[in-house]
C-alpha atoms as a PDB file:
ATOM      1  CA  MET A   1     -40.578  26.462  38.217  1.00  0.00           C
ATOM      2  CA  ALA A   2     -37.710  26.513  35.421  1.00  0.00           C
ATOM      3  CA  ALA A   3     -38.771  24.738  32.076  1.00  0.00           C
ATOM      4  CA  GLY A   4     -36.146  23.594  30.156  1.00  0.00           C
ATOM      5  CA  HIS A   5     -36.050  22.304  26.555  1.00  0.00           C
ATOM      6  CA  PRO A   6     -34.013  19.490  24.667  1.00  0.00           C
ATOM      7  CA  ASP A   7     -31.663  20.718  21.666  1.00  0.00           C
ATOM      8  CA  HIS A   8     -33.451  19.270  18.797  1.00  0.00           C
ATOM      9  CA  GLY A   9     -30.880  20.757  16.380  1.00  0.00           C
ATOM     10  CA  GLY A  10     -32.013  21.627  12.662  1.00  0.00           C
ATOM     11  CA  ASP A  11     -33.012  24.619  10.791  1.00  0.00           C
ATOM     12  CA  PRO A  12     -33.376  27.807  12.993  1.00  0.00           C
ATOM     13  CA  GLY A  13     -36.147  28.413  11.528  1.00  0.00           C
ATOM     14  CA  ASP A  14     -37.987  25.470  12.417  1.00  0.00           C
ATOM     15  CA  PRO A  15     -40.567  26.054  15.231  1.00  0.00           C
ATOM     16  CA  ARG A  16     -39.384  22.747  16.719  1.00  0.00           C
ATOM     17  CA  THR A  17     -36.162  24.695  17.887  1.00  0.00           C
ATOM     18  CA  ASP A  18     -38.182  27.753  19.076  1.00  0.00           C
ATOM     19  CA  GLY A  19     -37.911  27.283  22.678  1.00  0.00           C
ATOM     20  CA  ALA A  20     -41.254  29.368  23.517  1.00  0.00           C
ATOM     21  CA  ARG A  21     -42.975  27.130  21.165  1.00  0.00           C
ATOM     22  CA  LEU A  22     -41.863  24.017  22.613  1.00  0.00           C
ATOM     23  CA  ASP A  23     -43.009  24.567  26.236  1.00  0.00           C
ATOM     24  CA  PRO A  24     -45.395  21.971  26.764  1.00  0.00           C
ATOM     25  CA  LEU A  25     -47.772  24.630  29.442  1.00  0.00           C
ATOM     26  CA  ARG A  26     -48.237  26.908  26.754  1.00  0.00           C
ATOM     27  CA  PRO A  27     -52.008  27.582  27.007  1.00  0.00           C
ATOM     28  CA  GLU A  28     -52.786  27.770  23.454  1.00  0.00           C
ATOM     29  CA  GLY A  29     -54.395  24.775  21.105  1.00  0.00           C
ATOM     30  CA  GLY A  30     -56.154  22.862  24.262  1.00  0.00           C
ATOM     31  CA  ASN A  31     -59.379  24.854  24.120  1.00  0.00           C
ATOM     32  CA  GLY A  32     -59.596  25.333  27.853  1.00  0.00           C
ATOM     33  CA  ALA A  33     -57.388  22.109  28.712  1.00  0.00           C
ATOM     34  CA  GLU A  34     -54.425  23.120  30.609  1.00  0.00           C
ATOM     35  CA  LEU A  35     -51.226  21.642  31.717  1.00  0.00           C
ATOM     36  CA  ARG A  36     -49.303  22.317  34.815  1.00  0.00           C
ATOM     37  CA  GLY A  37     -46.092  20.504  36.172  1.00  0.00           C
ATOM     38  CA  GLN A  38     -42.635  20.080  37.186  1.00  0.00           C
ATOM     39  CA  ILE A  39     -40.090  20.162  34.315  1.00  0.00           C
ATOM     40  CA  PRO A  40     -36.500  19.617  34.927  1.00  0.00           C
ATOM     41  CA  GLU A  41     -33.898  20.293  32.551  1.00  0.00           C
ATOM     42  CA  GLY A  42     -33.740  16.913  30.682  1.00  0.00           C
ATOM     43  CA  PRO A  43     -35.911  14.560  31.720  1.00  0.00           C
ATOM     44  CA  ARG A  44     -35.659  11.067  31.038  1.00  0.00           C
ATOM     45  CA  GLY A  45     -39.449  10.414  31.053  1.00  0.00           C
ATOM     46  CA  VAL A  46     -42.823  11.991  31.378  1.00  0.00           C
ATOM     47  CA  VAL A  47     -45.447  11.387  33.404  1.00  0.00           C
ATOM     48  CA  LEU A  48     -49.171  12.471  32.438  1.00  0.00           C
ATOM     49  CA  LEU A  49     -51.674  12.724  35.620  1.00  0.00           C
ATOM     50  CA  LEU A  50     -55.334  12.047  34.803  1.00  0.00           C
ATOM     51  CA  HIS A  51     -58.219  13.240  37.220  1.00  0.00           C
ATOM     52  CA  GLY A  52     -61.458  12.008  37.539  1.00  0.00           C
ATOM     53  CA  GLY A  53     -64.765  13.589  36.479  1.00  0.00           C
ATOM     54  CA  ALA A  54     -68.449  12.342  35.824  1.00  0.00           C
ATOM     55  CA  VAL A  55     -70.447  10.545  33.508  1.00  0.00           C
ATOM     56  CA  SER A  56     -71.852  13.422  31.852  1.00  0.00           C
ATOM     57  CA  GLY A  57     -71.529  17.167  32.169  1.00  0.00           C
ATOM     58  CA  GLY A  58     -70.679  20.460  30.762  1.00  0.00           C
ATOM     59  CA  GLN A  59     -69.135  22.434  33.734  1.00  0.00           C
ATOM     60  CA  ARG A  60     -65.709  23.833  33.422  1.00  0.00           C
ATOM     61  CA  VAL A  61     -63.263  22.248  35.205  1.00  0.00           C
ATOM     62  CA  ARG A  62     -61.098  24.220  38.094  1.00  0.00           C
ATOM     63  CA  TRP A  63     -57.827  23.446  39.135  1.00  0.00           C
ATOM     64  CA  SER A  64     -59.263  24.261  42.419  1.00  0.00           C
ATOM     65  CA  GLY A  65     -61.802  21.459  42.152  1.00  0.00           C
ATOM     66  CA  VAL A  66     -61.478  18.209  44.511  1.00  0.00           C
ATOM     67  CA  ALA A  67     -60.762  15.879  41.372  1.00  0.00           C
ATOM     68  CA  ALA A  68     -57.952  18.049  40.019  1.00  0.00           C
ATOM     69  CA  LEU A  69     -56.131  18.648  43.443  1.00  0.00           C
ATOM     70  CA  ARG A  70     -56.852  14.824  44.210  1.00  0.00           C
ATOM     71  CA  MET A  71     -53.906  14.219  41.499  1.00  0.00           C
ATOM     72  CA  LEU A  72     -51.393  16.844  43.497  1.00  0.00           C
ATOM     73  CA  PRO A  73     -49.904  14.192  46.144  1.00  0.00           C
ATOM     74  CA  PHE A  74     -49.184  12.021  43.471  1.00  0.00           C
ATOM     75  CA  ALA A  75     -47.032  14.637  41.312  1.00  0.00           C
ATOM     76  CA  LEU A  76     -45.574  15.320  44.570  1.00  0.00           C
ATOM     77  CA  ALA A  77     -44.537  11.539  45.462  1.00  0.00           C
ATOM     78  CA  LEU A  78     -43.772  11.142  41.775  1.00  0.00           C
ATOM     79  CA  THR A  79     -41.357  14.127  41.946  1.00  0.00           C
ATOM     80  CA  ARG A  80     -39.839  12.988  45.662  1.00  0.00           C
ATOM     81  CA  ARG A  81     -39.198   9.628  44.071  1.00  0.00           C
ATOM     82  CA  ALA A  82     -37.582  10.565  40.936  1.00  0.00           C
ATOM     83  CA  GLY A  83     -35.910  13.736  41.460  1.00  0.00           C
ATOM     84  CA  GLU A  84     -34.681  15.324  38.038  1.00  0.00           C
ATOM     85  CA  GLU A  85     -35.238  12.322  36.161  1.00  0.00           C
ATOM     86  CA  LEU A  86     -38.907  12.698  35.074  1.00  0.00           C
ATOM     87  CA  ALA A  87     -41.364  15.500  33.995  1.00  0.00           C
ATOM     88  CA  VAL A  88     -44.397  15.314  35.886  1.00  0.00           C
ATOM     89  CA  LEU A  89     -47.297  16.841  34.342  1.00  0.00           C
ATOM     90  CA  ARG A  90     -51.033  17.564  35.619  1.00  0.00           C
ATOM     91  CA  LEU A  91     -53.868  17.581  33.138  1.00  0.00           C
ATOM     92  CA  LYS A  92     -57.179  19.829  33.308  1.00  0.00           C
ATOM     93  CA  TYR A  93     -59.810  18.743  31.277  1.00  0.00           C
ATOM     94  CA  ARG A  94     -61.687  21.385  29.461  1.00  0.00           C
ATOM     95  CA  VAL A  95     -65.113  20.194  31.122  1.00  0.00           C
ATOM     96  CA  ARG A  96     -66.285  17.646  33.937  1.00  0.00           C
ATOM     97  CA  GLY A  97     -68.076  14.888  31.790  1.00  0.00           C
ATOM     98  CA  TRP A  98     -66.986  11.904  29.710  1.00  0.00           C
ATOM     99  CA  ASN A  99     -70.050  12.642  27.607  1.00  0.00           C
ATOM    100  CA  GLY A 100     -70.875   9.326  25.827  1.00  0.00           C
ATOM    101  CA  ALA A 101     -69.282   9.433  22.137  1.00  0.00           C
ATOM    102  CA  ASN A 102     -67.993  12.770  22.715  1.00  0.00           C
ATOM    103  CA  ARG A 103     -65.151  10.873  25.390  1.00  0.00           C
ATOM    104  CA  ASP A 104     -64.221  14.540  26.200  1.00  0.00           C
ATOM    105  CA  PRO A 105     -61.603  13.479  28.662  1.00  0.00           C
ATOM    106  CA  VAL A 106     -59.799  11.461  26.050  1.00  0.00           C
ATOM    107  CA  VAL A 107     -59.845  14.101  23.510  1.00  0.00           C
ATOM    108  CA  ASP A 108     -58.092  16.354  26.019  1.00  0.00           C
ATOM    109  CA  ALA A 109     -55.859  13.402  26.759  1.00  0.00           C
ATOM    110  CA  ALA A 110     -54.761  13.002  23.394  1.00  0.00           C
ATOM    111  CA  TRP A 111     -54.211  16.895  22.922  1.00  0.00           C
ATOM    112  CA  ALA A 112     -51.668  16.501  26.342  1.00  0.00           C
ATOM    113  CA  LEU A 113     -50.076  13.524  24.646  1.00  0.00           C
ATOM    114  CA  ALA A 114     -49.495  15.138  21.210  1.00  0.00           C
ATOM    115  CA  ARG A 115     -47.944  18.362  23.082  1.00  0.00           C
ATOM    116  CA  ILE A 116     -45.659  15.737  25.272  1.00  0.00           C
ATOM    117  CA  ARG A 117     -44.480  14.185  22.199  1.00  0.00           C
ATOM    118  CA  ASP A 118     -43.848  17.450  20.265  1.00  0.00           C
ATOM    119  CA  THR A 119     -41.622  18.712  23.102  1.00  0.00           C
ATOM    120  CA  TRP A 120     -39.912  15.288  23.982  1.00  0.00           C
ATOM    121  CA  PRO A 121     -40.040  12.972  20.870  1.00  0.00           C
ATOM    122  CA  GLY A 122     -39.148   9.553  21.959  1.00  0.00           C
ATOM    123  CA  LEU A 123     -39.393   9.707  25.594  1.00  0.00           C
ATOM    124  CA  PRO A 124     -41.320   7.100  27.578  1.00  0.00           C
ATOM    125  CA  ILE A 125     -44.709   8.323  29.115  1.00  0.00           C
ATOM    126  CA  ALA A 126     -46.359   7.082  31.688  1.00  0.00           C
ATOM    127  CA  LEU A 127     -50.449   7.841  32.306  1.00  0.00           C
ATOM    128  CA  VAL A 128     -51.458   7.646  35.589  1.00  0.00           C
ATOM    129  CA  GLY A 129     -55.290   8.374  36.099  1.00  0.00           C
ATOM    130  CA  HIS A 130     -57.959   8.104  38.888  1.00  0.00           C
ATOM    131  CA  SER A 131     -61.357   6.819  38.196  1.00  0.00           C
ATOM    132  CA  MET A 132     -62.592   8.599  34.827  1.00  0.00           C
ATOM    133  CA  GLY A 133     -58.969   9.440  34.434  1.00  0.00           C
ATOM    134  CA  GLY A 134     -58.211   5.605  34.959  1.00  0.00           C
ATOM    135  CA  ARG A 135     -60.501   4.855  32.112  1.00  0.00           C
ATOM    136  CA  VAL A 136     -59.036   7.811  29.946  1.00  0.00           C
ATOM    137  CA  ALA A 137     -55.270   6.325  30.520  1.00  0.00           C
ATOM    138  CA  LEU A 138     -56.880   2.404  29.627  1.00  0.00           C
ATOM    139  CA  GLN A 139     -58.201   3.913  26.523  1.00  0.00           C
ATOM    140  CA  LEU A 140     -55.025   5.398  25.050  1.00  0.00           C
ATOM    141  CA  ALA A 141     -52.538   2.692  26.156  1.00  0.00           C
ATOM    142  CA  THR A 142     -52.066   2.139  22.590  1.00  0.00           C
ATOM    143  CA  GLU A 143     -50.606   5.786  21.762  1.00  0.00           C
ATOM    144  CA  PRO A 144     -47.265   6.134  20.975  1.00  0.00           C
ATOM    145  CA  ASP A 145     -44.461   6.158  23.514  1.00  0.00           C
ATOM    146  CA  VAL A 146     -46.633   4.903  26.061  1.00  0.00           C
ATOM    147  CA  ALA A 147     -44.367   2.600  28.487  1.00  0.00           C
ATOM    148  CA  ALA A 148     -46.877   2.497  31.426  1.00  0.00           C
ATOM    149  CA  VAL A 149     -50.531   2.972  32.732  1.00  0.00           C
ATOM    150  CA  VAL A 150     -51.500   3.508  36.303  1.00  0.00           C
ATOM    151  CA  ALA A 151     -55.166   2.955  36.857  1.00  0.00           C
ATOM    152  CA  LEU A 152     -56.188   3.813  40.248  1.00  0.00           C
ATOM    153  CA  ALA A 153     -59.809   3.142  41.111  1.00  0.00           C
ATOM    154  CA  PRO A 154     -60.503   3.238  37.633  1.00  0.00           C
ATOM    155  CA  TRP A 155     -63.973   3.568  35.868  1.00  0.00           C
ATOM    156  CA  ILE A 156     -64.354   0.432  33.621  1.00  0.00           C
ATOM    157  CA  GLU A 157     -67.087   0.263  31.301  1.00  0.00           C
ATOM    158  CA  GLY A 158     -67.407  -0.702  27.395  1.00  0.00           C
ATOM    159  CA  ALA A 159     -64.519  -2.194  25.593  1.00  0.00           C
ATOM    160  CA  THR A 160     -60.866  -1.579  27.044  1.00  0.00           C
ATOM    161  CA  PRO A 161     -58.057  -1.421  24.420  1.00  0.00           C
ATOM    162  CA  ARG A 162     -55.422  -3.985  24.701  1.00  0.00           C
ATOM    163  CA  PRO A 163     -52.253  -2.186  25.316  1.00  0.00           C
ATOM    164  CA  VAL A 164     -49.265  -2.605  23.087  1.00  0.00           C
ATOM    165  CA  LEU A 165     -47.110  -5.594  24.034  1.00  0.00           C
ATOM    166  CA  GLY A 166     -44.559  -4.492  26.368  1.00  0.00           C
ATOM    167  CA  THR A 167     -46.411  -1.389  27.894  1.00  0.00           C
ATOM    168  CA  ARG A 168     -46.648  -2.101  31.859  1.00  0.00           C
ATOM    169  CA  VAL A 169     -49.989  -1.710  33.444  1.00  0.00           C
ATOM    170  CA  LEU A 170     -50.590  -1.609  37.564  1.00  0.00           C
ATOM    171  CA  LEU A 171     -54.073  -1.312  38.514  1.00  0.00           C
ATOM    172  CA  VAL A 172     -55.302  -0.298  42.099  1.00  0.00           C
ATOM    173  CA  HIS A 173     -58.692  -0.549  43.734  1.00  0.00           C
ATOM    174  CA  GLY A 174     -59.705  -0.380  47.096  1.00  0.00           C
ATOM    175  CA  THR A 175     -61.835  -3.005  48.571  1.00  0.00           C
ATOM    176  CA  ARG A 176     -64.684  -0.512  49.747  1.00  0.00           C
ATOM    177  CA  ASP A 177     -64.982   1.405  46.831  1.00  0.00           C
ATOM    178  CA  GLY A 178     -68.503   2.433  46.432  1.00  0.00           C
ATOM    179  CA  ILE A 179     -68.326   4.451  43.348  1.00  0.00           C
ATOM    180  CA  THR A 180     -66.303   2.204  40.764  1.00  0.00           C
ATOM    181  CA  SER A 181     -66.374  -1.352  40.896  1.00  0.00           C
ATOM    182  CA  PRO A 182     -63.348  -3.377  41.944  1.00  0.00           C
ATOM    183  CA  ARG A 183     -64.391  -6.826  40.484  1.00  0.00           C
ATOM    184  CA  ARG A 184     -64.213  -5.041  37.318  1.00  0.00           C
ATOM    185  CA  THR A 185     -60.695  -4.278  37.730  1.00  0.00           C
ATOM    186  CA  ALA A 186     -59.822  -7.705  38.954  1.00  0.00           C
ATOM    187  CA  THR A 187     -61.522  -9.085  35.828  1.00  0.00           C
ATOM    188  CA  LEU A 188     -59.628  -6.723  33.477  1.00  0.00           C
ATOM    189  CA  ALA A 189     -56.294  -7.656  35.368  1.00  0.00           C
ATOM    190  CA  ALA A 190     -57.037 -11.098  34.429  1.00  0.00           C
ATOM    191  CA  ARG A 191     -57.836 -10.555  30.565  1.00  0.00           C
ATOM    192  CA  LEU A 192     -54.723  -8.159  30.043  1.00  0.00           C
ATOM    193  CA  ARG A 193     -52.560 -10.724  31.675  1.00  0.00           C
ATOM    194  CA  ASP A 194     -53.973 -13.697  29.627  1.00  0.00           C
ATOM    195  CA  SER A 195     -53.379 -11.735  26.509  1.00  0.00           C
ATOM    196  CA  GLY A 196     -49.575 -11.298  27.344  1.00  0.00           C
ATOM    197  CA  ILE A 197     -49.920  -7.948  29.036  1.00  0.00           C
ATOM    198  CA  GLU A 198     -47.541  -7.262  32.073  1.00  0.00           C
ATOM    199  CA  VAL A 199     -49.698  -6.118  34.683  1.00  0.00           C
ATOM    200  CA  ARG A 200     -49.728  -5.886  38.771  1.00  0.00           C
ATOM    201  CA  HIS A 201     -52.918  -5.913  40.275  1.00  0.00           C
ATOM    202  CA  LEU A 202     -53.133  -4.520  43.889  1.00  0.00           C
ATOM    203  CA  GLU A 203     -56.259  -4.460  46.125  1.00  0.00           C
ATOM    204  CA  VAL A 204     -56.275  -2.048  48.933  1.00  0.00           C
ATOM    205  CA  GLU A 205     -57.642  -3.487  51.876  1.00  0.00           C
ATOM    206  CA  GLY A 206     -60.355  -0.739  53.114  1.00  0.00           C
ATOM    207  CA  GLY A 207     -59.186   1.567  50.411  1.00  0.00           C
ATOM    208  CA  ASP A 208     -62.244   4.265  49.588  1.00  0.00           C
ATOM    209  CA  HIS A 209     -62.892   5.903  46.121  1.00  0.00           C
ATOM    210  CA  PRO A 210     -61.470   8.772  47.199  1.00  0.00           C
ATOM    211  CA  MET A 211     -58.206   7.041  48.034  1.00  0.00           C
ATOM    212  CA  LEU A 212     -58.221   8.570  51.401  1.00  0.00           C
ATOM    213  CA  ARG A 213     -57.708   5.718  53.325  1.00  0.00           C
ATOM    214  CA  HIS A 214     -54.141   4.334  53.342  1.00  0.00           C
ATOM    215  CA  ALA A 215     -53.295   7.751  51.059  1.00  0.00           C
ATOM    216  CA  GLY A 216     -49.559   6.777  51.188  1.00  0.00           C
ATOM    217  CA  LEU A 217     -49.867   3.478  50.091  1.00  0.00           C
ATOM    218  CA  TRP A 218     -51.778   4.708  46.881  1.00  0.00           C
ATOM    219  CA  HIS A 219     -49.146   7.766  46.381  1.00  0.00           C
ATOM    220  CA  ASP A 220     -46.032   5.380  46.877  1.00  0.00           C
ATOM    221  CA  THR A 221     -47.088   2.461  44.794  1.00  0.00           C
ATOM    222  CA  ALA A 222     -48.048   4.416  41.609  1.00  0.00           C
ATOM    223  CA  ALA A 223     -44.737   6.548  42.167  1.00  0.00           C
ATOM    224  CA  ASP A 224     -42.539   3.640  42.645  1.00  0.00           C
ATOM    225  CA  PHE A 225     -43.967   1.597  39.576  1.00  0.00           C
ATOM    226  CA  VAL A 226     -44.052   4.472  37.505  1.00  0.00           C
ATOM    227  CA  THR A 227     -40.004   5.437  38.286  1.00  0.00           C
ATOM    228  CA  ASP A 228     -39.187   2.006  38.126  1.00  0.00           C
ATOM    229  CA  VAL A 229     -40.604   1.795  34.505  1.00  0.00           C
ATOM    230  CA  LEU A 230     -39.522   5.018  33.128  1.00  0.00           C
ATOM    231  CA  VAL A 231     -36.079   5.255  35.049  1.00  0.00           C
ATOM    232  CA  GLY A 232     -35.238   2.019  36.290  1.00  0.00           C
ATOM    233  CA  PRO A 233     -35.241   0.063  39.708  1.00  0.00           C
ATOM    234  CA  ALA A 234     -31.799   0.933  40.739  1.00  0.00           C
ATOM    235  CA  ARG A 235     -33.049   4.956  41.249  1.00  0.00           C
ATOM    236  CA  THR A 236     -33.260   5.356  44.883  1.00  0.00           C
ATOM    237  CA  SER A 237     -35.357   8.473  47.011  1.00  0.00           C
END
């Protein structure tokens, strides 16, 4: 895939004008966290996909692992829906676990967001996360340039920051999820809505935690929501 970089202007000696250093997929700096994705020449927005994990664990994450692969259909659905309008990036965490106060996936996602803002300053960003990734997305909803948050079967525990006013939130949970709590997701939706946040809450009847039941509904709902926020509802597939 070809990676295009915006023209930032400025001094030719400024590292921000060096195309190689602006490549968001460059591996340095992540300490094992990595980004992969579809990068059009001049995107209008950026999507960061965040996979699930575990309560604790120091095992290194592989791209071939189930959790990371689970986000690939969402990337494909977004690319089909948005075409060349959006850069769609998948993040692989360093390690599998949340790991208490370390909040390892939050650290990795914050690194990825900084990389995105460095590459495309000012572009709106959507965070799309599953399970633990949904928790990460909700934790980072107050980050600069985040315009949309999609939490799929999210792991909700402890305090969830209130997103910045104007940030749009989509919460999706299957009614047959035995891993994370649909009830907590519904409670969070109501709390955010009461605080003035624009929230869409969807219950997938019979949906399970891996999002295998009614898979197309999960993929298309997330892709449509993100594209409508970042590009606009007039965009057609």
